[in-house]
């Protein structure tokens, strides 16, 4: 999802990053 979001939307990148941090 993060890889798809990098090319699709900068706003969704922040959400993905938060999800990634939560997952970490």
PDBML (XML) file of the C-alpha atoms, coordinates in Angstrom:
<?xml version="1.0" encoding="UTF-8" ?>
<PDBx:datablock datablockName="MODEL"
   xmlns:PDBx="http://pdbml.pdb.org/schema/pdbx-v50.xsd"
   xmlns:xsi="http://www.w3.org/2001/XMLSchema-instance"
   xsi:schemaLocation="http://pdbml.pdb.org/schema/pdbx-v50.xsd pdbx-v50.xsd">
   <PDBx:atom_siteCategory>
      <PDBx:atom_site id="1">
         <PDBx:B_iso_or_equiv>0.00</PDBx:B_iso_or_equiv>
         <PDBx:Cartn_x>0.000</PDBx:Cartn_x>
         <PDBx:Cartn_y>0.000</PDBx:Cartn_y>
         <PDBx:Cartn_z>0.000</PDBx:Cartn_z>
         <PDBx:auth_asym_id>A</PDBx:auth_asym_id>
         <PDBx:auth_atom_id>CA</PDBx:auth_atom_id>
         <PDBx:auth_comp_id>UNK</PDBx:auth_comp_id>
         <PDBx:auth_seq_id>1</PDBx:auth_seq_id>
         <PDBx:group_PDB>ATOM</PDBx:group_PDB>
         <PDBx:label_alt_id xsi:nil="true" />
         <PDBx:label_asym_id>A</PDBx:label_asym_id>
         <PDBx:label_atom_id>CA</PDBx:label_atom_id>
         <PDBx:label_comp_id>UNK</PDBx:label_comp_id>
         <PDBx:label_entity_id>1</PDBx:label_entity_id>
         <PDBx:label_seq_id>1</PDBx:label_seq_id>
         <PDBx:occupancy>1.00</PDBx:occupancy>
         <PDBx:pdbx_PDB_model_num>1</PDBx:pdbx_PDB_model_num>
         <PDBx:type_symbol>C</PDBx:type_symbol>
      </PDBx:atom_site>
      <PDBx:atom_site id="2">
         <PDBx:B_iso_or_equiv>0.00</PDBx:B_iso_or_equiv>
         <PDBx:Cartn_x>2.852</PDBx:Cartn_x>
         <PDBx:Cartn_y>2.352</PDBx:Cartn_y>
         <PDBx:Cartn_z>0.812</PDBx:Cartn_z>
         <PDBx:auth_asym_id>A</PDBx:auth_asym_id>
         <PDBx:auth_atom_id>CA</PDBx:auth_atom_id>
         <PDBx:auth_comp_id>UNK</PDBx:auth_comp_id>
         <PDBx:auth_seq_id>2</PDBx:auth_seq_id>
         <PDBx:group_PDB>ATOM</PDBx:group_PDB>
         <PDBx:label_alt_id xsi:nil="true" />
         <PDBx:label_asym_id>A</PDBx:label_asym_id>
         <PDBx:label_atom_id>CA</PDBx:label_atom_id>
         <PDBx:label_comp_id>UNK</PDBx:label_comp_id>
         <PDBx:label_entity_id>1</PDBx:label_entity_id>
         <PDBx:label_seq_id>2</PDBx:label_seq_id>
         <PDBx:occupancy>1.00</PDBx:occupancy>
         <PDBx:pdbx_PDB_model_num>1</PDBx:pdbx_PDB_model_num>
         <PDBx:type_symbol>C</PDBx:type_symbol>
      </PDBx:atom_site>
      <PDBx:atom_site id="3">
         <PDBx:B_iso_or_equiv>0.00</PDBx:B_iso_or_equiv>
         <PDBx:Cartn_x>4.487</PDBx:Cartn_x>
         <PDBx:Cartn_y>1.816</PDBx:Cartn_y>
         <PDBx:Cartn_z>-2.545</PDBx:Cartn_z>
         <PDBx:auth_asym_id>A</PDBx:auth_asym_id>
         <PDBx:auth_atom_id>CA</PDBx:auth_atom_id>
         <PDBx:auth_comp_id>UNK</PDBx:auth_comp_id>
         <PDBx:auth_seq_id>3</PDBx:auth_seq_id>
         <PDBx:group_PDB>ATOM</PDBx:group_PDB>
         <PDBx:label_alt_id xsi:nil="true" />
         <PDBx:label_asym_id>A</PDBx:label_asym_id>
         <PDBx:label_atom_id>CA</PDBx:label_atom_id>
         <PDBx:label_comp_id>UNK</PDBx:label_comp_id>
         <PDBx:label_entity_id>1</PDBx:label_entity_id>
         <PDBx:label_seq_id>3</PDBx:label_seq_id>
         <PDBx:occupancy>1.00</PDBx:occupancy>
         <PDBx:pdbx_PDB_model_num>1</PDBx:pdbx_PDB_model_num>
         <PDBx:type_symbol>C</PDBx:type_symbol>
      </PDBx:atom_site>
      <PDBx:atom_site id="4">
         <PDBx:B_iso_or_equiv>0.00</PDBx:B_iso_or_equiv>
         <PDBx:Cartn_x>1.221</PDBx:Cartn_x>
         <PDBx:Cartn_y>2.467</PDBx:Cartn_y>
         <PDBx:Cartn_z>-4.338</PDBx:Cartn_z>
         <PDBx:auth_asym_id>A</PDBx:auth_asym_id>
         <PDBx:auth_atom_id>CA</PDBx:auth_atom_id>
         <PDBx:auth_comp_id>UNK</PDBx:auth_comp_id>
         <PDBx:auth_seq_id>4</PDBx:auth_seq_id>
         <PDBx:group_PDB>ATOM</PDBx:group_PDB>
         <PDBx:label_alt_id xsi:nil="true" />
         <PDBx:label_asym_id>A</PDBx:label_asym_id>
         <PDBx:label_atom_id>CA</PDBx:label_atom_id>
         <PDBx:label_comp_id>UNK</PDBx:label_comp_id>
         <PDBx:label_entity_id>1</PDBx:label_entity_id>
         <PDBx:label_seq_id>4</PDBx:label_seq_id>
         <PDBx:occupancy>1.00</PDBx:occupancy>
         <PDBx:pdbx_PDB_model_num>1</PDBx:pdbx_PDB_model_num>
         <PDBx:type_symbol>C</PDBx:type_symbol>
      </PDBx:atom_site>
      <PDBx:atom_site id="5">
         <PDBx:B_iso_or_equiv>0.00</PDBx:B_iso_or_equiv>
         <PDBx:Cartn_x>0.545</PDBx:Cartn_x>
         <PDBx:Cartn_y>5.525</PDBx:Cartn_y>
         <PDBx:Cartn_z>-2.257</PDBx:Cartn_z>
         <PDBx:auth_asym_id>A</PDBx:auth_asym_id>
         <PDBx:auth_atom_id>CA</PDBx:auth_atom_id>
         <PDBx:auth_comp_id>UNK</PDBx:auth_comp_id>
         <PDBx:auth_seq_id>5</PDBx:auth_seq_id>
         <PDBx:group_PDB>ATOM</PDBx:group_PDB>
         <PDBx:label_alt_id xsi:nil="true" />
         <PDBx:label_asym_id>A</PDBx:label_asym_id>
         <PDBx:label_atom_id>CA</PDBx:label_atom_id>
         <PDBx:label_comp_id>UNK</PDBx:label_comp_id>
         <PDBx:label_entity_id>1</PDBx:label_entity_id>
         <PDBx:label_seq_id>5</PDBx:label_seq_id>
         <PDBx:occupancy>1.00</PDBx:occupancy>
         <PDBx:pdbx_PDB_model_num>1</PDBx:pdbx_PDB_model_num>
         <PDBx:type_symbol>C</PDBx:type_symbol>
      </PDBx:atom_site>
      <PDBx:atom_site id="6">
         <PDBx:B_iso_or_equiv>0.00</PDBx:B_iso_or_equiv>
         <PDBx:Cartn_x>3.939</PDBx:Cartn_x>
         <PDBx:Cartn_y>7.122</PDBx:Cartn_y>
         <PDBx:Cartn_z>-3.118</PDBx:Cartn_z>
         <PDBx:auth_asym_id>A</PDBx:auth_asym_id>
         <PDBx:auth_atom_id>CA</PDBx:auth_atom_id>
         <PDBx:auth_comp_id>UNK</PDBx:auth_comp_id>
         <PDBx:auth_seq_id>6</PDBx:auth_seq_id>
         <PDBx:group_PDB>ATOM</PDBx:group_PDB>
         <PDBx:label_alt_id xsi:nil="true" />
         <PDBx:label_asym_id>A</PDBx:label_asym_id>
         <PDBx:label_atom_id>CA</PDBx:label_atom_id>
         <PDBx:label_comp_id>UNK</PDBx:label_comp_id>
         <PDBx:label_entity_id>1</PDBx:label_entity_id>
         <PDBx:label_seq_id>6</PDBx:label_seq_id>
         <PDBx:occupancy>1.00</PDBx:occupancy>
         <PDBx:pdbx_PDB_model_num>1</PDBx:pdbx_PDB_model_num>
         <PDBx:type_symbol>C</PDBx:type_symbol>
      </PDBx:atom_site>
      <PDBx:atom_site id="7">
         <PDBx:B_iso_or_equiv>0.00</PDBx:B_iso_or_equiv>
         <PDBx:Cartn_x>2.950</PDBx:Cartn_x>
         <PDBx:Cartn_y>7.484</PDBx:Cartn_y>
         <PDBx:Cartn_z>-6.758</PDBx:Cartn_z>
         <PDBx:auth_asym_id>A</PDBx:auth_asym_id>
         <PDBx:auth_atom_id>CA</PDBx:auth_atom_id>
         <PDBx:auth_comp_id>UNK</PDBx:auth_comp_id>
         <PDBx:auth_seq_id>7</PDBx:auth_seq_id>
         <PDBx:group_PDB>ATOM</PDBx:group_PDB>
         <PDBx:label_alt_id xsi:nil="true" />
         <PDBx:label_asym_id>A</PDBx:label_asym_id>
         <PDBx:label_atom_id>CA</PDBx:label_atom_id>
         <PDBx:label_comp_id>UNK</PDBx:label_comp_id>
         <PDBx:label_entity_id>1</PDBx:label_entity_id>
         <PDBx:label_seq_id>7</PDBx:label_seq_id>
         <PDBx:occupancy>1.00</PDBx:occupancy>
         <PDBx:pdbx_PDB_model_num>1</PDBx:pdbx_PDB_model_num>
         <PDBx:type_symbol>C</PDBx:type_symbol>
      </PDBx:atom_site>
      <PDBx:atom_site id="8">
         <PDBx:B_iso_or_equiv>0.00</PDBx:B_iso_or_equiv>
         <PDBx:Cartn_x>-0.707</PDBx:Cartn_x>
         <PDBx:Cartn_y>8.175</PDBx:Cartn_y>
         <PDBx:Cartn_z>-6.142</PDBx:Cartn_z>
         <PDBx:auth_asym_id>A</PDBx:auth_asym_id>
         <PDBx:auth_atom_id>CA</PDBx:auth_atom_id>
         <PDBx:auth_comp_id>UNK</PDBx:auth_comp_id>
         <PDBx:auth_seq_id>8</PDBx:auth_seq_id>
         <PDBx:group_PDB>ATOM</PDBx:group_PDB>
         <PDBx:label_alt_id xsi:nil="true" />
         <PDBx:label_asym_id>A</PDBx:label_asym_id>
         <PDBx:label_atom_id>CA</PDBx:label_atom_id>
         <PDBx:label_comp_id>UNK</PDBx:label_comp_id>
         <PDBx:label_entity_id>1</PDBx:label_entity_id>
         <PDBx:label_seq_id>8</PDBx:label_seq_id>
         <PDBx:occupancy>1.00</PDBx:occupancy>
         <PDBx:pdbx_PDB_model_num>1</PDBx:pdbx_PDB_model_num>
         <PDBx:type_symbol>C</PDBx:type_symbol>
      </PDBx:atom_site>
      <PDBx:atom_site id="9">
         <PDBx:B_iso_or_equiv>0.00</PDBx:B_iso_or_equiv>
         <PDBx:Cartn_x>-1.111</PDBx:Cartn_x>
         <PDBx:Cartn_y>10.742</PDBx:Cartn_y>
         <PDBx:Cartn_z>-3.400</PDBx:Cartn_z>
         <PDBx:auth_asym_id>A</PDBx:auth_asym_id>
         <PDBx:auth_atom_id>CA</PDBx:auth_atom_id>
         <PDBx:auth_comp_id>UNK</PDBx:auth_comp_id>
         <PDBx:auth_seq_id>9</PDBx:auth_seq_id>
         <PDBx:group_PDB>ATOM</PDBx:group_PDB>
         <PDBx:label_alt_id xsi:nil="true" />
         <PDBx:label_asym_id>A</PDBx:label_asym_id>
         <PDBx:label_atom_id>CA</PDBx:label_atom_id>
         <PDBx:label_comp_id>UNK</PDBx:label_comp_id>
         <PDBx:label_entity_id>1</PDBx:label_entity_id>
         <PDBx:label_seq_id>9</PDBx:label_seq_id>
         <PDBx:occupancy>1.00</PDBx:occupancy>
         <PDBx:pdbx_PDB_model_num>1</PDBx:pdbx_PDB_model_num>
         <PDBx:type_symbol>C</PDBx:type_symbol>
      </PDBx:atom_site>
      <PDBx:atom_site id="10">
         <PDBx:B_iso_or_equiv>0.00</PDBx:B_iso_or_equiv>
         <PDBx:Cartn_x>1.222</PDBx:Cartn_x>
         <PDBx:Cartn_y>12.670</PDBx:Cartn_y>
         <PDBx:Cartn_z>-1.080</PDBx:Cartn_z>
         <PDBx:auth_asym_id>A</PDBx:auth_asym_id>
         <PDBx:auth_atom_id>CA</PDBx:auth_atom_id>
         <PDBx:auth_comp_id>UNK</PDBx:auth_comp_id>
         <PDBx:auth_seq_id>10</PDBx:auth_seq_id>
         <PDBx:group_PDB>ATOM</PDBx:group_PDB>
         <PDBx:label_alt_id xsi:nil="true" />
         <PDBx:label_asym_id>A</PDBx:label_asym_id>
         <PDBx:label_atom_id>CA</PDBx:label_atom_id>
         <PDBx:label_comp_id>UNK</PDBx:label_comp_id>
         <PDBx:label_entity_id>1</PDBx:label_entity_id>
         <PDBx:label_seq_id>10</PDBx:label_seq_id>
         <PDBx:occupancy>1.00</PDBx:occupancy>
         <PDBx:pdbx_PDB_model_num>1</PDBx:pdbx_PDB_model_num>
         <PDBx:type_symbol>C</PDBx:type_symbol>
      </PDBx:atom_site>
      <PDBx:atom_site id="11">
         <PDBx:B_iso_or_equiv>0.00</PDBx:B_iso_or_equiv>
         <PDBx:Cartn_x>-1.511</PDBx:Cartn_x>
         <PDBx:Cartn_y>13.039</PDBx:Cartn_y>
         <PDBx:Cartn_z>1.534</PDBx:Cartn_z>
         <PDBx:auth_asym_id>A</PDBx:auth_asym_id>
         <PDBx:auth_atom_id>CA</PDBx:auth_atom_id>
         <PDBx:auth_comp_id>UNK</PDBx:auth_comp_id>
         <PDBx:auth_seq_id>11</PDBx:auth_seq_id>
         <PDBx:group_PDB>ATOM</PDBx:group_PDB>
         <PDBx:label_alt_id xsi:nil="true" />
         <PDBx:label_asym_id>A</PDBx:label_asym_id>
         <PDBx:label_atom_id>CA</PDBx:label_atom_id>
         <PDBx:label_comp_id>UNK</PDBx:label_comp_id>
         <PDBx:label_entity_id>1</PDBx:label_entity_id>
         <PDBx:label_seq_id>11</PDBx:label_seq_id>
         <PDBx:occupancy>1.00</PDBx:occupancy>
         <PDBx:pdbx_PDB_model_num>1</PDBx:pdbx_PDB_model_num>
         <PDBx:type_symbol>C</PDBx:type_symbol>
      </PDBx:atom_site>
      <PDBx:atom_site id="12">
         <PDBx:B_iso_or_equiv>0.00</PDBx:B_iso_or_equiv>
         <PDBx:Cartn_x>-2.007</PDBx:Cartn_x>
         <PDBx:Cartn_y>9.308</PDBx:Cartn_y>
         <PDBx:Cartn_z>1.820</PDBx:Cartn_z>
         <PDBx:auth_asym_id>A</PDBx:auth_asym_id>
         <PDBx:auth_atom_id>CA</PDBx:auth_atom_id>
         <PDBx:auth_comp_id>UNK</PDBx:auth_comp_id>
         <PDBx:auth_seq_id>12</PDBx:auth_seq_id>
         <PDBx:group_PDB>ATOM</PDBx:group_PDB>
         <PDBx:label_alt_id xsi:nil="true" />
         <PDBx:label_asym_id>A</PDBx:label_asym_id>
         <PDBx:label_atom_id>CA</PDBx:label_atom_id>
         <PDBx:label_comp_id>UNK</PDBx:label_comp_id>
         <PDBx:label_entity_id>1</PDBx:label_entity_id>
         <PDBx:label_seq_id>12</PDBx:label_seq_id>
         <PDBx:occupancy>1.00</PDBx:occupancy>
         <PDBx:pdbx_PDB_model_num>1</PDBx:pdbx_PDB_model_num>
         <PDBx:type_symbol>C</PDBx:type_symbol>
      </PDBx:atom_site>
      <PDBx:atom_site id="13">
         <PDBx:B_iso_or_equiv>0.00</PDBx:B_iso_or_equiv>
         <PDBx:Cartn_x>1.739</PDBx:Cartn_x>
         <PDBx:Cartn_y>8.940</PDBx:Cartn_y>
         <PDBx:Cartn_z>2.262</PDBx:Cartn_z>
         <PDBx:auth_asym_id>A</PDBx:auth_asym_id>
         <PDBx:auth_atom_id>CA</PDBx:auth_atom_id>
         <PDBx:auth_comp_id>UNK</PDBx:auth_comp_id>
         <PDBx:auth_seq_id>13</PDBx:auth_seq_id>
         <PDBx:group_PDB>ATOM</PDBx:group_PDB>
         <PDBx:label_alt_id xsi:nil="true" />
         <PDBx:label_asym_id>A</PDBx:label_asym_id>
         <PDBx:label_atom_id>CA</PDBx:label_atom_id>
         <PDBx:label_comp_id>UNK</PDBx:label_comp_id>
         <PDBx:label_entity_id>1</PDBx:label_entity_id>
         <PDBx:label_seq_id>13</PDBx:label_seq_id>
         <PDBx:occupancy>1.00</PDBx:occupancy>
         <PDBx:pdbx_PDB_model_num>1</PDBx:pdbx_PDB_model_num>
         <PDBx:type_symbol>C</PDBx:type_symbol>
      </PDBx:atom_site>
      <PDBx:atom_site id="14">
         <PDBx:B_iso_or_equiv>0.00</PDBx:B_iso_or_equiv>
         <PDBx:Cartn_x>1.501</PDBx:Cartn_x>
         <PDBx:Cartn_y>10.402</PDBx:Cartn_y>
         <PDBx:Cartn_z>5.736</PDBx:Cartn_z>
         <PDBx:auth_asym_id>A</PDBx:auth_asym_id>
         <PDBx:auth_atom_id>CA</PDBx:auth_atom_id>
         <PDBx:auth_comp_id>UNK</PDBx:auth_comp_id>
         <PDBx:auth_seq_id>14</PDBx:auth_seq_id>
         <PDBx:group_PDB>ATOM</PDBx:group_PDB>
         <PDBx:label_alt_id xsi:nil="true" />
         <PDBx:label_asym_id>A</PDBx:label_asym_id>
         <PDBx:label_atom_id>CA</PDBx:label_atom_id>
         <PDBx:label_comp_id>UNK</PDBx:label_comp_id>
         <PDBx:label_entity_id>1</PDBx:label_entity_id>
         <PDBx:label_seq_id>14</PDBx:label_seq_id>
         <PDBx:occupancy>1.00</PDBx:occupancy>
         <PDBx:pdbx_PDB_model_num>1</PDBx:pdbx_PDB_model_num>
         <PDBx:type_symbol>C</PDBx:type_symbol>
      </PDBx:atom_site>
      <PDBx:atom_site id="15">
         <PDBx:B_iso_or_equiv>0.00</PDBx:B_iso_or_equiv>
         <PDBx:Cartn_x>-1.210</PDBx:Cartn_x>
         <PDBx:Cartn_y>7.930</PDBx:Cartn_y>
         <PDBx:Cartn_z>6.717</PDBx:Cartn_z>
         <PDBx:auth_asym_id>A</PDBx:auth_asym_id>
         <PDBx:auth_atom_id>CA</PDBx:auth_atom_id>
         <PDBx:auth_comp_id>UNK</PDBx:auth_comp_id>
         <PDBx:auth_seq_id>15</PDBx:auth_seq_id>
         <PDBx:group_PDB>ATOM</PDBx:group_PDB>
         <PDBx:label_alt_id xsi:nil="true" />
         <PDBx:label_asym_id>A</PDBx:label_asym_id>
         <PDBx:label_atom_id>CA</PDBx:label_atom_id>
         <PDBx:label_comp_id>UNK</PDBx:label_comp_id>
         <PDBx:label_entity_id>1</PDBx:label_entity_id>
         <PDBx:label_seq_id>15</PDBx:label_seq_id>
         <PDBx:occupancy>1.00</PDBx:occupancy>
         <PDBx:pdbx_PDB_model_num>1</PDBx:pdbx_PDB_model_num>
         <PDBx:type_symbol>C</PDBx:type_symbol>
      </PDBx:atom_site>
      <PDBx:atom_site id="16">
         <PDBx:B_iso_or_equiv>0.00</PDBx:B_iso_or_equiv>
         <PDBx:Cartn_x>0.776</PDBx:Cartn_x>
         <PDBx:Cartn_y>5.061</PDBx:Cartn_y>
         <PDBx:Cartn_z>5.375</PDBx:Cartn_z>
         <PDBx:auth_asym_id>A</PDBx:auth_asym_id>
         <PDBx:auth_atom_id>CA</PDBx:auth_atom_id>
         <PDBx:auth_comp_id>UNK</PDBx:auth_comp_id>
         <PDBx:auth_seq_id>16</PDBx:auth_seq_id>
         <PDBx:group_PDB>ATOM</PDBx:group_PDB>
         <PDBx:label_alt_id xsi:nil="true" />
         <PDBx:label_asym_id>A</PDBx:label_asym_id>
         <PDBx:label_atom_id>CA</PDBx:label_atom_id>
         <PDBx:label_comp_id>UNK</PDBx:label_comp_id>
         <PDBx:label_entity_id>1</PDBx:label_entity_id>
         <PDBx:label_seq_id>16</PDBx:label_seq_id>
         <PDBx:occupancy>1.00</PDBx:occupancy>
         <PDBx:pdbx_PDB_model_num>1</PDBx:pdbx_PDB_model_num>
         <PDBx:type_symbol>C</PDBx:type_symbol>
      </PDBx:atom_site>
      <PDBx:atom_site id="17">
         <PDBx:B_iso_or_equiv>0.00</PDBx:B_iso_or_equiv>
         <PDBx:Cartn_x>3.815</PDBx:Cartn_x>
         <PDBx:Cartn_y>6.260</PDBx:Cartn_y>
         <PDBx:Cartn_z>7.278</PDBx:Cartn_z>
         <PDBx:auth_asym_id>A</PDBx:auth_asym_id>
         <PDBx:auth_atom_id>CA</PDBx:auth_atom_id>
         <PDBx:auth_comp_id>UNK</PDBx:auth_comp_id>
         <PDBx:auth_seq_id>17</PDBx:auth_seq_id>
         <PDBx:group_PDB>ATOM</PDBx:group_PDB>
         <PDBx:label_alt_id xsi:nil="true" />
         <PDBx:label_asym_id>A</PDBx:label_asym_id>
         <PDBx:label_atom_id>CA</PDBx:label_atom_id>
         <PDBx:label_comp_id>UNK</PDBx:label_comp_id>
         <PDBx:label_entity_id>1</PDBx:label_entity_id>
         <PDBx:label_seq_id>17</PDBx:label_seq_id>
         <PDBx:occupancy>1.00</PDBx:occupancy>
         <PDBx:pdbx_PDB_model_num>1</PDBx:pdbx_PDB_model_num>
         <PDBx:type_symbol>C</PDBx:type_symbol>
      </PDBx:atom_site>
      <PDBx:atom_site id="18">
         <PDBx:B_iso_or_equiv>0.00</PDBx:B_iso_or_equiv>
         <PDBx:Cartn_x>1.821</PDBx:Cartn_x>
         <PDBx:Cartn_y>6.387</PDBx:Cartn_y>
         <PDBx:Cartn_z>10.514</PDBx:Cartn_z>
         <PDBx:auth_asym_id>A</PDBx:auth_asym_id>
         <PDBx:auth_atom_id>CA</PDBx:auth_atom_id>
         <PDBx:auth_comp_id>UNK</PDBx:auth_comp_id>
         <PDBx:auth_seq_id>18</PDBx:auth_seq_id>
         <PDBx:group_PDB>ATOM</PDBx:group_PDB>
         <PDBx:label_alt_id xsi:nil="true" />
         <PDBx:label_asym_id>A</PDBx:label_asym_id>
         <PDBx:label_atom_id>CA</PDBx:label_atom_id>
         <PDBx:label_comp_id>UNK</PDBx:label_comp_id>
         <PDBx:label_entity_id>1</PDBx:label_entity_id>
         <PDBx:label_seq_id>18</PDBx:label_seq_id>
         <PDBx:occupancy>1.00</PDBx:occupancy>
         <PDBx:pdbx_PDB_model_num>1</PDBx:pdbx_PDB_model_num>
         <PDBx:type_symbol>C</PDBx:type_symbol>
      </PDBx:atom_site>
      <PDBx:atom_site id="19">
         <PDBx:B_iso_or_equiv>0.00</PDBx:B_iso_or_equiv>
         <PDBx:Cartn_x>0.485</PDBx:Cartn_x>
         <PDBx:Cartn_y>2.896</PDBx:Cartn_y>
         <PDBx:Cartn_z>9.869</PDBx:Cartn_z>
         <PDBx:auth_asym_id>A</PDBx:auth_asym_id>
         <PDBx:auth_atom_id>CA</PDBx:auth_atom_id>
         <PDBx:auth_comp_id>UNK</PDBx:auth_comp_id>
         <PDBx:auth_seq_id>19</PDBx:auth_seq_id>
         <PDBx:group_PDB>ATOM</PDBx:group_PDB>
         <PDBx:label_alt_id xsi:nil="true" />
         <PDBx:label_asym_id>A</PDBx:label_asym_id>
         <PDBx:label_atom_id>CA</PDBx:label_atom_id>
         <PDBx:label_comp_id>UNK</PDBx:label_comp_id>
         <PDBx:label_entity_id>1</PDBx:label_entity_id>
         <PDBx:label_seq_id>19</PDBx:label_seq_id>
         <PDBx:occupancy>1.00</PDBx:occupancy>
         <PDBx:pdbx_PDB_model_num>1</PDBx:pdbx_PDB_model_num>
         <PDBx:type_symbol>C</PDBx:type_symbol>
      </PDBx:atom_site>
      <PDBx:atom_site id="20">
         <PDBx:B_iso_or_equiv>0.00</PDBx:B_iso_or_equiv>
         <PDBx:Cartn_x>3.997</PDBx:Cartn_x>
         <PDBx:Cartn_y>1.764</PDBx:Cartn_y>
         <PDBx:Cartn_z>9.185</PDBx:Cartn_z>
         <PDBx:auth_asym_id>A</PDBx:auth_asym_id>
         <PDBx:auth_atom_id>CA</PDBx:auth_atom_id>
         <PDBx:auth_comp_id>UNK</PDBx:auth_comp_id>
         <PDBx:auth_seq_id>20</PDBx:auth_seq_id>
         <PDBx:group_PDB>ATOM</PDBx:group_PDB>
         <PDBx:label_alt_id xsi:nil="true" />
         <PDBx:label_asym_id>A</PDBx:label_asym_id>
         <PDBx:label_atom_id>CA</PDBx:label_atom_id>
         <PDBx:label_comp_id>UNK</PDBx:label_comp_id>
         <PDBx:label_entity_id>1</PDBx:label_entity_id>
         <PDBx:label_seq_id>20</PDBx:label_seq_id>
         <PDBx:occupancy>1.00</PDBx:occupancy>
         <PDBx:pdbx_PDB_model_num>1</PDBx:pdbx_PDB_model_num>
         <PDBx:type_symbol>C</PDBx:type_symbol>
      </PDBx:atom_site>
      <PDBx:atom_site id="21">
         <PDBx:B_iso_or_equiv>0.00</PDBx:B_iso_or_equiv>
         <PDBx:Cartn_x>5.260</PDBx:Cartn_x>
         <PDBx:Cartn_y>3.275</PDBx:Cartn_y>
         <PDBx:Cartn_z>12.427</PDBx:Cartn_z>
         <PDBx:auth_asym_id>A</PDBx:auth_asym_id>
         <PDBx:auth_atom_id>CA</PDBx:auth_atom_id>
         <PDBx:auth_comp_id>UNK</PDBx:auth_comp_id>
         <PDBx:auth_seq_id>21</PDBx:auth_seq_id>
         <PDBx:group_PDB>ATOM</PDBx:group_PDB>
         <PDBx:label_alt_id xsi:nil="true" />
         <PDBx:label_asym_id>A</PDBx:label_asym_id>
         <PDBx:label_atom_id>CA</PDBx:label_atom_id>
         <PDBx:label_comp_id>UNK</PDBx:label_comp_id>
         <PDBx:label_entity_id>1</PDBx:label_entity_id>
         <PDBx:label_seq_id>21</PDBx:label_seq_id>
         <PDBx:occupancy>1.00</PDBx:occupancy>
         <PDBx:pdbx_PDB_model_num>1</PDBx:pdbx_PDB_model_num>
         <PDBx:type_symbol>C</PDBx:type_symbol>
      </PDBx:atom_site>
      <PDBx:atom_site id="22">
         <PDBx:B_iso_or_equiv>0.00</PDBx:B_iso_or_equiv>
         <PDBx:Cartn_x>2.380</PDBx:Cartn_x>
         <PDBx:Cartn_y>1.673</PDBx:Cartn_y>
         <PDBx:Cartn_z>14.321</PDBx:Cartn_z>
         <PDBx:auth_asym_id>A</PDBx:auth_asym_id>
         <PDBx:auth_atom_id>CA</PDBx:auth_atom_id>
         <PDBx:auth_comp_id>UNK</PDBx:auth_comp_id>
         <PDBx:auth_seq_id>22</PDBx:auth_seq_id>
         <PDBx:group_PDB>ATOM</PDBx:group_PDB>
         <PDBx:label_alt_id xsi:nil="true" />
         <PDBx:label_asym_id>A</PDBx:label_asym_id>
         <PDBx:label_atom_id>CA</PDBx:label_atom_id>
         <PDBx:label_comp_id>UNK</PDBx:label_comp_id>
         <PDBx:label_entity_id>1</PDBx:label_entity_id>
         <PDBx:label_seq_id>22</PDBx:label_seq_id>
         <PDBx:occupancy>1.00</PDBx:occupancy>
         <PDBx:pdbx_PDB_model_num>1</PDBx:pdbx_PDB_model_num>
         <PDBx:type_symbol>C</PDBx:type_symbol>
      </PDBx:atom_site>
      <PDBx:atom_site id="23">
         <PDBx:B_iso_or_equiv>0.00</PDBx:B_iso_or_equiv>
         <PDBx:Cartn_x>3.195</PDBx:Cartn_x>
         <PDBx:Cartn_y>-1.629</PDBx:Cartn_y>
         <PDBx:Cartn_z>12.743</PDBx:Cartn_z>
         <PDBx:auth_asym_id>A</PDBx:auth_asym_id>
         <PDBx:auth_atom_id>CA</PDBx:auth_atom_id>
         <PDBx:auth_comp_id>UNK</PDBx:auth_comp_id>
         <PDBx:auth_seq_id>23</PDBx:auth_seq_id>
         <PDBx:group_PDB>ATOM</PDBx:group_PDB>
         <PDBx:label_alt_id xsi:nil="true" />
         <PDBx:label_asym_id>A</PDBx:label_asym_id>
         <PDBx:label_atom_id>CA</PDBx:label_atom_id>
         <PDBx:label_comp_id>UNK</PDBx:label_comp_id>
         <PDBx:label_entity_id>1</PDBx:label_entity_id>
         <PDBx:label_seq_id>23</PDBx:label_seq_id>
         <PDBx:occupancy>1.00</PDBx:occupancy>
         <PDBx:pdbx_PDB_model_num>1</PDBx:pdbx_PDB_model_num>
         <PDBx:type_symbol>C</PDBx:type_symbol>
      </PDBx:atom_site>
      <PDBx:atom_site id="24">
         <PDBx:B_iso_or_equiv>0.00</PDBx:B_iso_or_equiv>
         <PDBx:Cartn_x>6.830</PDBx:Cartn_x>
         <PDBx:Cartn_y>-1.223</PDBx:Cartn_y>
         <PDBx:Cartn_z>13.765</PDBx:Cartn_z>
         <PDBx:auth_asym_id>A</PDBx:auth_asym_id>
         <PDBx:auth_atom_id>CA</PDBx:auth_atom_id>
         <PDBx:auth_comp_id>UNK</PDBx:auth_comp_id>
         <PDBx:auth_seq_id>24</PDBx:auth_seq_id>
         <PDBx:group_PDB>ATOM</PDBx:group_PDB>
         <PDBx:label_alt_id xsi:nil="true" />
         <PDBx:label_asym_id>A</PDBx:label_asym_id>
         <PDBx:label_atom_id>CA</PDBx:label_atom_id>
         <PDBx:label_comp_id>UNK</PDBx:label_comp_id>
         <PDBx:label_entity_id>1</PDBx:label_entity_id>
         <PDBx:label_seq_id>24</PDBx:label_seq_id>
         <PDBx:occupancy>1.00</PDBx:occupancy>
         <PDBx:pdbx_PDB_model_num>1</PDBx:pdbx_PDB_model_num>
         <PDBx:type_symbol>C</PDBx:type_symbol>
      </PDBx:atom_site>
   </PDBx:atom_siteCategory>
</PDBx:datablock>
